[in-house]
């Protein structure tokens, strides 16, 4: 029986759903999959004077834990480094910044079972 999501397709599906969700919520997507060296953040979005760096995690179930649990301390530090580079390169020193996680559980029929937007999911240098 073929998998409902070929390799990497689940991640692309989740990012597409998250992008649409954020646009409906009034955010402007500045860039998707912004890279700094080998590090990456899934979405950089802006609404007014607020820029959010959004990590999207998608799973087809919670057997291995909730999607947001995959955003480890190491991953958070990598996203923070990417954010510093993005803000510096785009000369965005006059904005508020936050780090969000969008956790998606997808069904086998490529439908969204659950989407949770964890706003201000962590603060730099804050242990979790």
N, C-alpha and C. Protein backbone atom coordinates (compact mmCIF):
# COMPACT_ATOMS: atom_id res chain seq x y z
N UNK A 1 0.85 -1.18 0.00
CA UNK A 1 0.00 0.00 0.00
C UNK A 1 0.89 1.24 0.00
N UNK A 2 0.70 2.17 -0.92
CA UNK A 2 1.55 3.36 -0.98
C UNK A 2 1.28 4.28 0.21
N UNK A 3 2.33 4.97 0.61
CA UNK A 3 2.18 5.95 1.68
C UNK A 3 1.35 7.12 1.19
N UNK A 4 0.52 7.72 2.07
CA UNK A 4 -0.29 8.85 1.62
C UNK A 4 0.56 10.08 1.30
N UNK A 5 1.75 10.14 1.85
CA UNK A 5 2.63 11.27 1.61
C UNK A 5 4.02 10.75 1.25
N UNK A 6 4.45 10.90 0.00
CA UNK A 6 5.81 10.51 -0.36
C UNK A 6 6.82 11.33 0.45
N UNK A 7 8.09 10.90 0.46
CA UNK A 7 9.09 11.66 1.22
C UNK A 7 9.04 13.15 0.88
N UNK A 8 9.12 13.96 1.87
CA UNK A 8 9.12 15.42 1.80
C UNK A 8 7.76 16.02 1.44
N UNK A 9 6.85 15.23 0.89
CA UNK A 9 5.55 15.78 0.50
C UNK A 9 4.75 16.23 1.71
N UNK A 10 4.87 15.52 2.83
CA UNK A 10 4.14 15.91 4.03
C UNK A 10 4.58 17.29 4.51
N UNK A 11 5.88 17.53 4.49
CA UNK A 11 6.39 18.84 4.90
C UNK A 11 5.92 19.95 3.97
N UNK A 12 5.95 19.70 2.67
CA UNK A 12 5.48 20.69 1.71
C UNK A 12 3.98 20.95 1.87
N UNK A 13 3.23 19.88 2.11
CA UNK A 13 1.80 20.01 2.33
C UNK A 13 1.55 20.90 3.56
N UNK A 14 2.24 20.61 4.66
CA UNK A 14 2.07 21.39 5.89
C UNK A 14 2.44 22.85 5.71
N UNK A 15 3.55 23.10 5.03
CA UNK A 15 3.97 24.49 4.80
C UNK A 15 2.96 25.24 3.95
N UNK A 16 2.40 24.57 2.95
CA UNK A 16 1.38 25.19 2.11
C UNK A 16 0.13 25.52 2.93
N UNK A 17 -0.29 24.61 3.78
CA UNK A 17 -1.45 24.86 4.65
C UNK A 17 -1.17 26.00 5.61
N UNK A 18 0.03 26.03 6.19
CA UNK A 18 0.40 27.08 7.14
C UNK A 18 0.43 28.43 6.44
N UNK A 19 0.98 28.48 5.24
CA UNK A 19 1.04 29.73 4.46
C UNK A 19 -0.37 30.26 4.23
N UNK A 20 -1.28 29.40 3.77
CA UNK A 20 -2.66 29.81 3.52
C UNK A 20 -3.34 30.27 4.81
N UNK A 21 -3.10 29.56 5.89
CA UNK A 21 -3.68 29.92 7.19
C UNK A 21 -3.22 31.31 7.62
N UNK A 22 -1.93 31.59 7.49
CA UNK A 22 -1.39 32.88 7.90
C UNK A 22 -1.90 34.02 7.01
N UNK A 23 -2.00 33.78 5.73
CA UNK A 23 -2.52 34.81 4.81
C UNK A 23 -3.96 35.14 5.18
N UNK A 24 -4.77 34.10 5.46
CA UNK A 24 -6.16 34.35 5.88
C UNK A 24 -6.21 35.14 7.18
N UNK A 25 -5.20 34.99 8.03
CA UNK A 25 -5.15 35.69 9.32
C UNK A 25 -4.57 37.10 9.18
N UNK A 26 -4.27 37.53 7.95
CA UNK A 26 -3.82 38.90 7.73
C UNK A 26 -2.31 39.10 7.67
N UNK A 27 -1.55 38.02 7.64
CA UNK A 27 -0.10 38.12 7.54
C UNK A 27 0.32 38.22 6.07
N UNK A 28 1.43 38.88 5.84
CA UNK A 28 2.07 38.91 4.53
C UNK A 28 3.28 37.99 4.60
N UNK A 29 3.36 37.06 3.68
CA UNK A 29 4.51 36.15 3.64
C UNK A 29 5.65 36.87 2.95
N UNK A 30 6.73 37.11 3.68
CA UNK A 30 7.91 37.76 3.11
C UNK A 30 8.76 36.77 2.33
N UNK A 31 8.90 35.57 2.88
CA UNK A 31 9.71 34.55 2.22
C UNK A 31 9.39 33.18 2.82
N UNK A 32 9.52 32.16 1.97
CA UNK A 32 9.38 30.78 2.42
C UNK A 32 10.75 30.12 2.36
N UNK A 33 11.02 29.25 3.29
CA UNK A 33 12.26 28.46 3.32
C UNK A 33 13.50 29.33 3.21
N UNK A 34 13.59 30.33 4.08
CA UNK A 34 14.76 31.22 4.10
C UNK A 34 15.94 30.48 4.72
N UNK A 35 17.07 30.50 4.02
CA UNK A 35 18.25 29.76 4.45
C UNK A 35 19.38 30.71 4.85
N UNK A 36 20.10 30.28 5.87
CA UNK A 36 21.34 30.93 6.30
C UNK A 36 22.33 29.80 6.52
N UNK A 37 23.21 29.62 5.55
CA UNK A 37 24.08 28.46 5.59
C UNK A 37 23.23 27.20 5.44
N UNK A 38 23.43 26.27 6.35
CA UNK A 38 22.65 25.02 6.31
C UNK A 38 21.38 25.10 7.14
N UNK A 39 21.17 26.23 7.78
CA UNK A 39 20.00 26.42 8.63
C UNK A 39 18.86 27.01 7.82
N UNK A 40 17.63 26.79 8.30
CA UNK A 40 16.47 27.27 7.56
C UNK A 40 15.30 27.54 8.50
N UNK A 41 14.46 28.48 8.11
CA UNK A 41 13.17 28.69 8.76
C UNK A 41 12.12 28.56 7.66
N UNK A 42 10.99 27.97 8.00
CA UNK A 42 9.98 27.67 7.00
C UNK A 42 9.31 28.91 6.42
N UNK A 43 8.89 29.84 7.29
CA UNK A 43 8.19 31.03 6.81
C UNK A 43 8.64 32.25 7.60
N UNK A 44 8.77 33.36 6.89
CA UNK A 44 8.99 34.65 7.53
C UNK A 44 7.79 35.49 7.11
N UNK A 45 7.03 35.96 8.10
CA UNK A 45 5.79 36.68 7.81
C UNK A 45 5.79 38.01 8.55
N UNK A 46 4.96 38.93 8.03
CA UNK A 46 4.89 40.25 8.65
C UNK A 46 3.44 40.72 8.70
N UNK A 47 3.12 41.34 9.81
CA UNK A 47 1.83 42.02 9.95
C UNK A 47 2.11 43.30 10.71
N UNK A 48 2.01 44.42 9.99
CA UNK A 48 2.33 45.71 10.59
C UNK A 48 3.81 45.76 10.98
N UNK A 49 4.08 46.14 12.20
CA UNK A 49 5.44 46.24 12.68
C UNK A 49 5.97 44.98 13.35
N UNK A 50 5.30 43.85 13.11
CA UNK A 50 5.71 42.58 13.72
C UNK A 50 6.16 41.60 12.65
N UNK A 51 7.35 41.06 12.81
CA UNK A 51 7.87 40.01 11.93
C UNK A 51 7.93 38.72 12.75
N UNK A 52 7.35 37.66 12.20
CA UNK A 52 7.37 36.37 12.88
C UNK A 52 8.14 35.37 12.02
N UNK A 53 8.99 34.62 12.69
CA UNK A 53 9.72 33.51 12.07
C UNK A 53 8.97 32.25 12.49
N UNK A 54 8.45 31.54 11.49
CA UNK A 54 7.50 30.46 11.76
C UNK A 54 8.09 29.12 11.35
N UNK A 55 8.16 28.21 12.29
CA UNK A 55 8.55 26.83 12.01
C UNK A 55 7.28 26.01 11.92
N UNK A 56 7.15 25.25 10.84
CA UNK A 56 5.97 24.43 10.60
C UNK A 56 6.35 22.96 10.82
N UNK A 57 5.58 22.28 11.64
CA UNK A 57 5.79 20.85 11.85
C UNK A 57 4.49 20.12 11.55
N UNK A 58 4.59 19.11 10.70
CA UNK A 58 3.41 18.37 10.26
C UNK A 58 3.62 16.89 10.52
N UNK A 59 2.61 16.27 11.05
CA UNK A 59 2.63 14.83 11.29
C UNK A 59 1.30 14.24 10.84
N UNK A 60 1.29 12.93 10.63
CA UNK A 60 0.04 12.25 10.27
C UNK A 60 -0.61 11.61 11.48
N UNK A 61 -0.07 11.87 12.63
CA UNK A 61 -0.63 11.36 13.88
C UNK A 61 0.25 11.81 15.03
N UNK A 62 -0.11 11.40 16.22
CA UNK A 62 0.67 11.83 17.39
C UNK A 62 1.37 10.65 18.05
N UNK A 63 1.51 9.55 17.33
CA UNK A 63 2.16 8.36 17.87
C UNK A 63 3.60 8.62 18.28
N UNK A 64 4.25 9.57 17.63
CA UNK A 64 5.63 9.93 17.97
C UNK A 64 5.68 11.27 18.69
N UNK A 65 4.54 11.69 19.22
CA UNK A 65 4.46 12.97 19.92
C UNK A 65 3.78 14.01 19.06
N UNK A 66 3.42 15.10 19.70
CA UNK A 66 2.76 16.20 18.99
C UNK A 66 3.76 16.87 18.05
N UNK A 67 3.31 17.41 16.95
CA UNK A 67 4.23 18.03 15.98
C UNK A 67 5.13 19.08 16.60
N UNK A 68 4.58 19.93 17.46
CA UNK A 68 5.37 21.01 18.04
C UNK A 68 6.52 20.51 18.92
N UNK A 69 6.43 19.29 19.40
CA UNK A 69 7.50 18.73 20.22
C UNK A 69 8.78 18.51 19.42
N UNK A 70 8.68 18.52 18.09
CA UNK A 70 9.85 18.33 17.24
C UNK A 70 10.69 19.59 17.11
N UNK A 71 10.21 20.72 17.65
CA UNK A 71 10.99 21.95 17.62
C UNK A 71 11.86 21.95 18.88
N UNK A 72 13.02 21.34 18.73
CA UNK A 72 13.93 21.15 19.86
C UNK A 72 14.68 22.44 20.20
N UNK A 73 15.37 22.41 21.30
CA UNK A 73 16.19 23.56 21.70
C UNK A 73 17.21 23.89 20.61
N UNK A 74 17.85 22.88 20.04
CA UNK A 74 18.82 23.09 18.96
C UNK A 74 18.14 23.74 17.76
N UNK A 75 16.96 23.26 17.38
CA UNK A 75 16.24 23.84 16.23
C UNK A 75 15.87 25.29 16.51
N UNK A 76 15.46 25.59 17.74
CA UNK A 76 15.13 26.97 18.09
C UNK A 76 16.35 27.87 17.94
N UNK A 77 17.51 27.43 18.41
CA UNK A 77 18.73 28.23 18.30
C UNK A 77 19.11 28.45 16.83
N UNK A 78 18.92 27.43 15.99
CA UNK A 78 19.20 27.57 14.56
C UNK A 78 18.27 28.61 13.93
N UNK A 79 16.99 28.57 14.28
CA UNK A 79 16.03 29.54 13.74
C UNK A 79 16.39 30.94 14.20
N UNK A 80 16.83 31.09 15.43
CA UNK A 80 17.25 32.40 15.93
C UNK A 80 18.42 32.95 15.11
N UNK A 81 19.36 32.08 14.75
CA UNK A 81 20.50 32.52 13.92
C UNK A 81 20.01 32.95 12.53
N UNK A 82 19.09 32.19 11.97
CA UNK A 82 18.52 32.54 10.67
C UNK A 82 17.81 33.89 10.77
N UNK A 83 17.08 34.10 11.85
CA UNK A 83 16.35 35.35 12.04
C UNK A 83 17.31 36.54 12.12
N UNK A 84 18.39 36.38 12.86
CA UNK A 84 19.37 37.48 12.94
C UNK A 84 19.90 37.84 11.56
N UNK A 85 20.23 36.82 10.76
CA UNK A 85 20.73 37.06 9.41
C UNK A 85 19.67 37.75 8.56
N UNK A 86 18.44 37.27 8.60
CA UNK A 86 17.37 37.86 7.80
C UNK A 86 17.16 39.33 8.17
N UNK A 87 17.08 39.61 9.46
CA UNK A 87 16.85 40.99 9.92
C UNK A 87 18.00 41.90 9.51
N UNK A 88 19.22 41.41 9.61
CA UNK A 88 20.39 42.20 9.22
C UNK A 88 20.40 42.46 7.71
N UNK A 89 20.20 41.42 6.92
CA UNK A 89 20.24 41.57 5.45
C UNK A 89 19.12 42.47 4.92
N UNK A 90 17.99 42.46 5.59
CA UNK A 90 16.85 43.25 5.13
C UNK A 90 16.70 44.57 5.90
N UNK A 91 17.69 44.85 6.73
CA UNK A 91 17.73 46.11 7.50
C UNK A 91 16.42 46.37 8.23
N UNK A 92 15.97 45.33 8.90
CA UNK A 92 14.72 45.43 9.66
C UNK A 92 15.04 45.57 11.16
N UNK A 93 15.53 46.72 11.53
CA UNK A 93 15.87 46.93 12.93
C UNK A 93 14.79 47.70 13.68
N UNK A 94 13.70 48.02 12.97
CA UNK A 94 12.62 48.80 13.57
C UNK A 94 11.35 47.99 13.75
N UNK A 95 11.46 46.67 13.81
CA UNK A 95 10.29 45.81 13.94
C UNK A 95 10.37 45.00 15.24
N UNK A 96 9.21 44.58 15.70
CA UNK A 96 9.16 43.61 16.78
C UNK A 96 9.31 42.23 16.15
N UNK A 97 9.90 41.31 16.89
CA UNK A 97 10.18 39.97 16.36
C UNK A 97 9.63 38.94 17.33
N UNK A 98 9.07 37.90 16.76
CA UNK A 98 8.69 36.76 17.60
C UNK A 98 8.90 35.47 16.82
N UNK A 99 8.86 34.38 17.55
CA UNK A 99 9.08 33.05 16.99
C UNK A 99 7.83 32.22 17.23
N UNK A 100 7.24 31.73 16.14
CA UNK A 100 6.00 30.97 16.21
C UNK A 100 6.23 29.55 15.71
N UNK A 101 5.33 28.67 16.10
CA UNK A 101 5.29 27.31 15.58
C UNK A 101 3.87 27.06 15.11
N UNK A 102 3.76 26.49 13.92
CA UNK A 102 2.46 26.01 13.46
C UNK A 102 2.55 24.49 13.42
N UNK A 103 1.70 23.86 14.23
CA UNK A 103 1.67 22.40 14.35
C UNK A 103 0.44 21.88 13.60
N UNK A 104 0.68 20.97 12.68
CA UNK A 104 -0.40 20.45 11.85
C UNK A 104 -0.44 18.93 11.96
N UNK A 105 -1.64 18.41 12.14
CA UNK A 105 -1.86 16.97 12.04
C UNK A 105 -2.70 16.78 10.78
N UNK A 106 -2.18 15.96 9.87
CA UNK A 106 -2.83 15.72 8.58
C UNK A 106 -3.38 14.31 8.53
N UNK A 107 -4.52 14.17 7.86
CA UNK A 107 -5.11 12.86 7.68
C UNK A 107 -4.55 12.17 6.46
N UNK A 108 -4.90 10.92 6.31
CA UNK A 108 -4.37 10.14 5.20
C UNK A 108 -4.94 10.59 3.86
N UNK A 109 -6.03 11.33 3.87
CA UNK A 109 -6.62 11.82 2.63
C UNK A 109 -6.17 13.23 2.28
N UNK A 110 -5.03 13.63 2.82
CA UNK A 110 -4.47 14.97 2.59
C UNK A 110 -5.41 16.08 3.06
N UNK A 111 -6.02 15.84 4.20
CA UNK A 111 -6.83 16.88 4.81
C UNK A 111 -6.19 17.27 6.14
N UNK A 112 -6.44 18.49 6.55
CA UNK A 112 -5.92 18.95 7.83
C UNK A 112 -6.88 18.51 8.92
N UNK A 113 -6.37 17.72 9.84
CA UNK A 113 -7.17 17.28 10.98
C UNK A 113 -7.12 18.34 12.08
N UNK A 114 -5.93 18.91 12.27
CA UNK A 114 -5.76 19.93 13.31
C UNK A 114 -4.64 20.88 12.91
N UNK A 115 -4.85 22.17 13.15
CA UNK A 115 -3.80 23.16 12.95
C UNK A 115 -3.77 24.05 14.19
N UNK A 116 -2.63 24.13 14.82
CA UNK A 116 -2.44 24.96 16.01
C UNK A 116 -1.35 25.98 15.72
N UNK A 117 -1.68 27.26 15.90
CA UNK A 117 -0.70 28.32 15.74
C UNK A 117 -0.24 28.72 17.14
N UNK A 118 0.98 28.35 17.47
CA UNK A 118 1.56 28.67 18.78
C UNK A 118 2.32 29.98 18.63
N UNK A 119 1.64 31.07 18.94
CA UNK A 119 2.24 32.39 18.82
C UNK A 119 3.24 32.61 19.94
N UNK A 120 4.36 33.28 19.60
CA UNK A 120 5.39 33.57 20.59
C UNK A 120 5.78 32.29 21.33
N UNK A 121 6.05 31.24 20.55
CA UNK A 121 6.30 29.90 21.09
C UNK A 121 7.52 29.83 22.00
N UNK A 122 8.50 30.68 21.75
CA UNK A 122 9.66 30.75 22.62
C UNK A 122 10.30 32.11 22.50
N UNK A 123 11.13 32.40 23.46
CA UNK A 123 11.92 33.64 23.46
C UNK A 123 13.40 33.23 23.40
N UNK A 124 14.19 33.98 22.65
CA UNK A 124 15.62 33.66 22.62
C UNK A 124 16.20 33.67 24.04
N UNK A 125 17.12 32.76 24.27
CA UNK A 125 17.80 32.60 25.55
C UNK A 125 16.89 32.15 26.67
N UNK A 126 15.66 31.79 26.37
CA UNK A 126 14.77 31.27 27.41
C UNK A 126 14.84 29.76 27.39
N UNK A 127 15.23 29.15 28.50
CA UNK A 127 15.27 27.67 28.50
C UNK A 127 13.86 27.11 28.43
N UNK A 128 13.74 25.95 27.76
CA UNK A 128 12.45 25.29 27.64
C UNK A 128 12.60 23.83 27.83
